[in-house]
Amino acid sequence: MKLIKTIKDIISPKKCYSCEKEWHFLCQECLQYTIKYKPYCYICKNQNNKFLIHKYCKKNIYFDKLIILTRYKNKVIKKLIKDFKFYNKKDIWEDFGKFLWKLLLKNEKIKNKEDYLLVPTPMFFYRKMIRWYNQSDILAKYIWKHTNIKIKDKLIKKIKNTRQQSLLSKKERILNLNNSFKINKKDRDILDKKNIILIDDIVSTWTTLNEIAKILKQNWVKKIIWLAIASD
């Protein structure tokens, strides 16, 4: 597999979407020119330490951190994500995976990797069948390669095909997601006092995460961190 990848890179090397330098779809230098997030609370938007949700913002909020790399409105980031999701350019996720695992370790002190689980944000089976893959699964695998944090890709299932959250009002979003997720019964026993790192590409609203976080906290999960590439 590594040999095939090496040959592919030699014949048709990756090019940075911004500067066209070879070997990366987004090079480290060009990432510095995208709009990057400083640690802040996603609920009140005020800056804080390591992307924590403030205690006074936690009413009816079940997740503890939302760590985001950059803004989706950046035209280079937007094109990279769209090309991966809709044109099957899966190698794009390798660069994002590298940036995200470094961002995770910078903003979360992981003393014991056994206390953590990487969980891709689930996709309804019909949508996954049409696309043939869940982009969060691929991203989680790249992060696992560099951190050795165990992946549980079937921990949470999406059991309802919901409408697009960003098109709905706040009240409609909550109703839209009601009873949309469930935890795999086989994995319930491993959740006690675990820290869950949910992996996703874009954060458009926090209601999806909150619904997933709610059922995880009901099963004695200690901490929930959402790690994503971009937000609106």
Protein backbone atom coordinates (compact mmCIF):
# COMPACT_ATOMS: atom_id res chain seq x y z
CA MET A 1 0.00 0.00 0.00
CA LYS A 2 2.85 2.41 0.88
CA LEU A 3 4.63 1.49 -2.38
CA ILE A 4 1.52 2.25 -4.44
CA LYS A 5 1.16 5.58 -2.66
CA THR A 6 4.84 6.44 -3.29
CA ILE A 7 4.56 5.59 -7.00
CA LYS A 8 1.37 7.64 -7.24
CA ASP A 9 3.06 10.64 -5.60
CA ILE A 10 6.01 10.41 -8.02
CA ILE A 11 3.86 10.09 -11.16
CA SER A 12 1.26 12.64 -10.09
CA PRO A 13 2.48 14.55 -7.03
CA LYS A 14 0.07 16.44 -4.83
CA LYS A 15 -0.02 20.20 -5.27
CA CYS A 16 -0.99 22.75 -2.66
CA TYR A 17 -4.34 24.30 -3.58
CA SER A 18 -2.98 27.70 -2.59
CA CYS A 19 0.66 27.99 -3.73
CA GLU A 20 0.93 24.87 -5.99
CA LYS A 21 4.02 23.63 -4.15
CA GLU A 22 4.32 19.84 -4.58
CA TRP A 23 3.75 17.01 -2.03
CA HIS A 24 0.79 18.49 -0.10
CA PHE A 25 -2.76 19.56 -0.93
CA LEU A 26 -2.37 22.19 1.79
CA CYS A 27 1.16 22.98 2.90
CA GLN A 28 2.09 24.16 6.39
CA GLU A 29 3.05 27.60 5.10
CA CYS A 30 -0.29 28.20 3.40
CA LEU A 31 -2.21 26.95 6.42
CA GLN A 32 -0.73 29.90 8.31
CA TYR A 33 -2.52 32.25 5.91
CA THR A 34 -5.95 30.73 6.43
CA ILE A 35 -8.19 32.17 9.13
CA LYS A 36 -7.27 30.08 12.19
CA TYR A 37 -9.14 29.93 15.45
CA LYS A 38 -7.63 30.97 18.74
CA PRO A 39 -8.97 28.92 21.68
CA TYR A 40 -12.46 30.09 22.55
CA CYS A 41 -15.81 28.89 23.92
CA TYR A 42 -18.02 27.89 21.02
CA ILE A 43 -21.22 28.84 22.86
CA CYS A 44 -20.49 32.45 23.91
CA LYS A 45 -17.62 33.00 21.38
CA ASN A 46 -15.33 34.49 24.04
CA GLN A 47 -11.70 33.42 24.10
CA ASN A 48 -10.56 31.04 26.81
CA ASN A 49 -8.06 28.30 27.57
CA LYS A 50 -7.85 25.33 25.14
CA PHE A 51 -11.35 25.60 23.58
CA LEU A 52 -13.21 24.75 26.80
CA ILE A 53 -16.93 25.45 27.10
CA HIS A 54 -17.31 27.86 30.02
CA LYS A 55 -19.08 26.55 33.11
CA TYR A 56 -21.61 29.38 32.86
CA CYS A 57 -22.34 28.36 29.24
CA LYS A 58 -23.02 24.71 30.11
CA LYS A 59 -26.79 24.90 30.67
CA ASN A 60 -28.24 22.10 28.50
CA ILE A 61 -24.82 21.69 26.84
CA TYR A 62 -23.34 18.21 27.15
CA PHE A 63 -19.97 18.51 25.36
CA ASP A 64 -16.89 19.96 27.06
CA LYS A 65 -14.66 21.20 24.23
CA LEU A 66 -15.04 22.06 20.57
CA ILE A 67 -11.59 22.29 18.93
CA ILE A 68 -11.59 23.82 15.43
CA LEU A 69 -8.68 24.31 13.04
CA THR A 70 -9.91 27.00 10.64
CA ARG A 71 -12.91 28.76 9.04
CA TYR A 72 -14.96 27.18 6.27
CA LYS A 73 -15.47 30.54 4.54
CA ASN A 74 -11.80 30.52 3.48
CA LYS A 75 -11.98 29.68 -0.24
CA VAL A 76 -9.03 27.24 -0.19
CA ILE A 77 -10.44 25.32 2.80
CA LYS A 78 -13.90 25.22 1.22
CA LYS A 79 -12.57 23.80 -2.06
CA LEU A 80 -10.41 21.19 -0.30
CA ILE A 81 -13.35 19.92 1.78
CA LYS A 82 -15.76 19.87 -1.19
CA ASP A 83 -13.26 18.02 -3.41
CA PHE A 84 -12.77 15.37 -0.74
CA LYS A 85 -16.46 14.93 0.06
CA PHE A 86 -17.87 14.98 -3.46
CA TYR A 87 -14.99 14.11 -5.82
CA ASN A 88 -13.41 11.24 -3.87
CA LYS A 89 -10.03 12.92 -3.33
CA LYS A 90 -9.39 11.06 -0.09
CA ASP A 91 -5.68 11.93 0.07
CA ILE A 92 -6.70 15.48 0.99
CA TRP A 93 -7.58 14.18 4.45
CA GLU A 94 -4.00 13.11 5.12
CA ASP A 95 -2.87 16.74 5.42
CA PHE A 96 -5.88 17.70 7.53
CA GLY A 97 -5.34 14.66 9.74
CA LYS A 98 -1.77 15.83 10.44
CA PHE A 99 -2.90 19.34 11.35
CA LEU A 100 -5.71 18.03 13.58
CA TRP A 101 -3.73 15.55 15.67
CA LYS A 102 -1.20 18.29 16.45
CA LEU A 103 -4.02 20.68 17.37
CA LEU A 104 -5.61 18.03 19.58
CA LEU A 105 -2.42 17.34 21.54
CA LYS A 106 -1.80 21.07 21.92
CA ASN A 107 -5.22 21.63 23.49
CA GLU A 108 -5.79 18.42 25.44
CA LYS A 109 -3.33 16.93 27.95
CA ILE A 110 -3.51 13.22 27.21
CA LYS A 111 -1.66 11.46 30.02
CA ASN A 112 -3.11 8.00 29.35
CA LYS A 113 -4.27 7.12 25.81
CA GLU A 114 -6.36 4.25 27.20
CA ASP A 115 -8.70 6.81 28.75
CA TYR A 116 -9.65 8.16 25.31
CA LEU A 117 -11.58 6.93 22.27
CA LEU A 118 -11.71 8.40 18.76
CA VAL A 119 -15.28 8.29 17.43
CA PRO A 120 -16.16 9.44 13.88
CA THR A 121 -19.40 11.42 13.70
CA PRO A 122 -21.88 8.87 12.27
CA MET A 123 -23.63 9.15 8.92
CA PHE A 124 -27.04 7.68 8.06
CA PHE A 125 -26.48 4.39 6.19
CA TYR A 126 -28.29 5.55 3.01
CA ARG A 127 -26.07 8.63 2.64
CA LYS A 128 -22.97 6.54 3.26
CA MET A 129 -24.14 4.02 0.68
CA ILE A 130 -24.50 6.77 -1.96
CA ARG A 131 -21.06 8.30 -1.19
CA TRP A 132 -19.38 4.94 -0.42
CA TYR A 133 -17.55 6.34 2.59
CA ASN A 134 -17.89 8.52 5.68
CA GLN A 135 -15.28 11.28 5.57
CA SER A 136 -15.10 11.31 9.39
CA ASP A 137 -14.00 7.64 9.37
CA ILE A 138 -11.07 8.43 7.08
CA LEU A 139 -10.06 11.48 9.10
CA ALA A 140 -10.17 9.48 12.35
CA LYS A 141 -7.82 6.86 10.88
CA TYR A 142 -5.20 9.47 10.05
CA ILE A 143 -5.40 10.86 13.60
CA TRP A 144 -5.14 7.34 15.06
CA LYS A 145 -1.93 6.68 13.08
CA HIS A 146 -0.21 9.57 14.83
CA THR A 147 -1.72 9.32 18.32
CA ASN A 148 -2.45 5.57 18.75
CA ILE A 149 -5.75 6.48 20.41
CA LYS A 150 -8.18 3.63 19.79
CA ILE A 151 -10.97 4.16 17.23
CA LYS A 152 -14.55 3.03 17.86
CA ASP A 153 -16.20 3.68 14.49
CA LYS A 154 -19.39 1.74 15.29
CA LEU A 155 -19.92 3.13 18.79
CA ILE A 156 -22.71 5.49 17.70
CA LYS A 157 -25.26 4.88 14.96
CA LYS A 158 -27.41 7.42 13.17
CA ILE A 159 -30.80 5.77 12.82
CA LYS A 160 -32.79 8.60 11.25
CA ASN A 161 -32.21 10.41 7.94
CA THR A 162 -32.48 14.03 9.10
CA ARG A 163 -32.80 17.29 7.18
CA GLN A 164 -29.79 19.60 6.77
CA GLN A 165 -29.33 21.34 10.11
CA SER A 166 -28.01 24.66 8.77
CA LEU A 167 -31.32 25.27 6.95
CA LEU A 168 -33.43 25.00 10.11
CA SER A 169 -34.27 27.24 13.04
CA LYS A 170 -32.87 26.43 16.49
CA LYS A 171 -36.13 24.80 17.59
CA GLU A 172 -36.42 22.85 14.33
CA ARG A 173 -32.82 21.60 14.67
CA ILE A 174 -33.53 20.08 18.08
CA LEU A 175 -36.72 18.40 16.85
CA ASN A 176 -34.97 17.25 13.67
CA LEU A 177 -32.32 15.37 15.68
CA ASN A 178 -34.62 13.94 18.34
CA ASN A 179 -34.01 10.18 18.66
CA SER A 180 -31.62 10.25 15.68
CA PHE A 181 -28.69 8.50 17.37
CA LYS A 182 -28.15 5.43 19.50
CA ILE A 183 -25.18 3.71 21.11
CA ASN A 184 -24.19 0.22 20.03
CA LYS A 185 -25.27 -2.08 22.87
CA LYS A 186 -22.03 -4.09 22.62
CA ASP A 187 -19.98 -1.02 23.50
CA ARG A 188 -21.98 0.40 26.41
CA ASP A 189 -19.78 -1.26 29.03
CA ILE A 190 -16.57 0.43 27.82
CA LEU A 191 -17.89 4.00 28.15
CA ASP A 192 -17.73 4.43 31.91
CA LYS A 193 -15.36 7.36 32.70
CA LYS A 194 -13.98 7.45 29.14
CA ASN A 195 -13.07 10.64 27.26
CA ILE A 196 -14.62 10.66 23.79
CA ILE A 197 -13.08 12.59 20.89
CA LEU A 198 -15.71 13.04 18.17
CA ILE A 199 -14.22 13.63 14.71
CA ASP A 200 -15.91 15.68 11.98
CA ASP A 201 -15.08 17.87 9.00
CA ILE A 202 -17.41 20.88 9.37
CA VAL A 203 -19.28 22.33 12.33
CA SER A 204 -22.32 24.23 11.08
CA THR A 205 -24.40 24.01 14.27
CA TRP A 206 -23.60 22.52 17.67
CA THR A 207 -26.97 20.76 17.99
CA THR A 208 -25.76 17.56 16.28
CA LEU A 209 -22.85 17.24 18.67
CA ASN A 210 -25.02 18.08 21.64
CA GLU A 211 -27.50 15.33 20.79
CA ILE A 212 -24.68 12.79 20.49
CA ALA A 213 -23.00 14.12 23.64
CA LYS A 214 -26.26 13.82 25.56
CA ILE A 215 -26.59 10.08 25.01
CA LEU A 216 -22.88 9.59 25.74
CA LYS A 217 -23.13 11.43 29.06
CA GLN A 218 -26.18 9.30 29.92
CA ASN A 219 -23.83 6.33 29.62
CA TRP A 220 -21.27 7.74 32.08
CA VAL A 221 -18.77 9.22 29.63
CA LYS A 222 -16.46 11.57 31.54
CA LYS A 223 -15.53 14.16 28.89
CA ILE A 224 -16.58 14.88 25.29
CA ILE A 225 -14.33 16.72 22.85
CA TRP A 226 -15.36 17.58 19.30
CA LEU A 227 -12.43 17.93 16.87
CA ALA A 228 -13.21 19.46 13.47
CA ILE A 229 -11.48 21.01 10.49
CA ALA A 230 -13.69 24.04 9.98
CA SER A 231 -16.67 26.01 11.19
CA ASP A 232 -18.87 28.61 9.52
